[in-house]
C-alpha atoms as a PDB file:
ATOM      1  CA  UNK A   1      30.346-202.260 -10.442  1.00  0.00           C
ATOM      2  CA  UNK A   2      29.754-198.598 -11.141  1.00  0.00           C
ATOM      3  CA  UNK A   3      28.815-197.269 -14.554  1.00  0.00           C
ATOM      4  CA  UNK A   4      30.847-194.545 -16.224  1.00  0.00           C
ATOM      5  CA  UNK A   5      28.110-192.051 -15.415  1.00  0.00           C
ATOM      6  CA  UNK A   6      28.170-193.068 -11.747  1.00  0.00           C
ATOM      7  CA  UNK A   7      31.957-192.682 -11.582  1.00  0.00           C
ATOM      8  CA  UNK A   8      31.648-189.246 -13.129  1.00  0.00           C
ATOM      9  CA  UNK A   9      28.996-188.278 -10.574  1.00  0.00           C
ATOM     10  CA  UNK A  10      31.165-189.554  -7.708  1.00  0.00           C
ATOM     11  CA  UNK A  11      34.029-187.346  -8.923  1.00  0.00           C
ATOM     12  CA  UNK A  12      31.692-184.358  -9.231  1.00  0.00           C
ATOM     13  CA  UNK A  13      30.319-184.924  -5.724  1.00  0.00           C
ATOM     14  CA  UNK A  14      33.830-185.141  -4.253  1.00  0.00           C
ATOM     15  CA  UNK A  15      34.863-181.960  -6.057  1.00  0.00           C
ATOM     16  CA  UNK A  16      31.756-180.085  -4.913  1.00  0.00           C
ATOM     17  CA  UNK A  17      32.275-181.136  -1.295  1.00  0.00           C
ATOM     18  CA  UNK A  18      35.882-179.939  -1.427  1.00  0.00           C
ATOM     19  CA  UNK A  19      34.781-176.599  -2.889  1.00  0.00           C
ATOM     20  CA  UNK A  20      32.155-176.162  -0.151  1.00  0.00           C
ATOM     21  CA  UNK A  21      34.722-176.973   2.556  1.00  0.00           C
ATOM     22  CA  UNK A  22      37.184-174.551   0.957  1.00  0.00           C
ATOM     23  CA  UNK A  23      34.574-171.783   1.094  1.00  0.00           C
ATOM     24  CA  UNK A  24      33.584-172.642   4.684  1.00  0.00           C
ATOM     25  CA  UNK A  25      37.180-172.817   5.946  1.00  0.00           C
ATOM     26  CA  UNK A  26      38.451-169.963   3.761  1.00  0.00           C
ATOM     27  CA  UNK A  27      41.442-172.081   2.784  1.00  0.00           C
ATOM     28  CA  UNK A  28      42.081-174.768   0.192  1.00  0.00           C
ATOM     29  CA  UNK A  29      40.917-178.256   1.061  1.00  0.00           C
ATOM     30  CA  UNK A  30      42.871-180.796  -0.994  1.00  0.00           C
ATOM     31  CA  UNK A  31      40.935-183.758  -2.327  1.00  0.00           C
ATOM     32  CA  UNK A  32      42.090-187.004  -0.722  1.00  0.00           C
ATOM     33  CA  UNK A  33      41.276-190.694  -1.128  1.00  0.00           C
ATOM     34  CA  UNK A  34      39.157-190.449   2.041  1.00  0.00           C
ATOM     35  CA  UNK A  35      36.731-188.145   0.191  1.00  0.00           C
ATOM     36  CA  UNK A  36      36.228-190.792  -2.495  1.00  0.00           C
ATOM     37  CA  UNK A  37      35.874-193.593   0.060  1.00  0.00           C
ATOM     38  CA  UNK A  38      33.215-191.635   1.986  1.00  0.00           C
ATOM     39  CA  UNK A  39      31.267-190.818  -1.172  1.00  0.00           C
ATOM     40  CA  UNK A  40      31.460-194.366  -2.561  1.00  0.00           C
ATOM     41  CA  UNK A  41      30.371-195.821   0.790  1.00  0.00           C
ATOM     42  CA  UNK A  42      27.083-193.939   0.415  1.00  0.00           C
ATOM     43  CA  UNK A  43      26.367-195.248  -3.100  1.00  0.00           C
ATOM     44  CA  UNK A  44      25.290-198.637  -4.322  1.00  0.00           C
ATOM     45  CA  UNK A  45      26.580-199.651  -7.773  1.00  0.00           C
ATOM     46  CA  UNK A  46      23.883-199.992 -10.413  1.00  0.00           C
ATOM     47  CA  UNK A  47      25.579-202.813 -12.319  1.00  0.00           C
ATOM     48  CA  UNK A  48      25.259-206.220 -10.680  1.00  0.00           C
ATOM     49  CA  UNK A  49      27.861-208.979 -10.735  1.00  0.00           C
ATOM     50  CA  UNK A  50      25.470-211.022 -12.859  1.00  0.00           C
ATOM     51  CA  UNK A  51      25.323-208.275 -15.481  1.00  0.00           C
ATOM     52  CA  UNK A  52      29.113-208.062 -15.572  1.00  0.00           C
ATOM     53  CA  UNK A  53      29.373-211.838 -16.011  1.00  0.00           C
ATOM     54  CA  UNK A  54      26.776-211.755 -18.800  1.00  0.00           C
ATOM     55  CA  UNK A  55      28.665-208.970 -20.563  1.00  0.00           C
ATOM     56  CA  UNK A  56      31.971-210.845 -20.279  1.00  0.00           C
ATOM     57  CA  UNK A  57      30.394-213.988 -21.756  1.00  0.00           C
ATOM     58  CA  UNK A  58      28.999-211.991 -24.669  1.00  0.00           C
ATOM     59  CA  UNK A  59      32.343-210.299 -25.177  1.00  0.00           C
ATOM     60  CA  UNK A  60      34.107-213.664 -25.263  1.00  0.00           C
ATOM     61  CA  UNK A  61      31.509-215.130 -27.622  1.00  0.00           C
ATOM     62  CA  UNK A  62      31.673-212.273 -30.117  1.00  0.00           C
ATOM     63  CA  UNK A  63      35.432-211.721 -29.957  1.00  0.00           C
ATOM     64  CA  UNK A  64      35.970-215.358 -30.989  1.00  0.00           C
ATOM     65  CA  UNK A  65      33.488-215.196 -33.872  1.00  0.00           C
END
């Protein structure tokens, strides 16, 4: 799972790549899902499944208190 900061950085990276391509090609390059898929494929999430499970258990414990 990606953190909020990581998701923000992914969006920034995609935007910056599109801007660079727009400048190189001298025409607008629309952002597509493929840009996100390529960027995400190069990044490993910092939040493990175990951490997510631990958080969900804590959430359940404290929401029932």
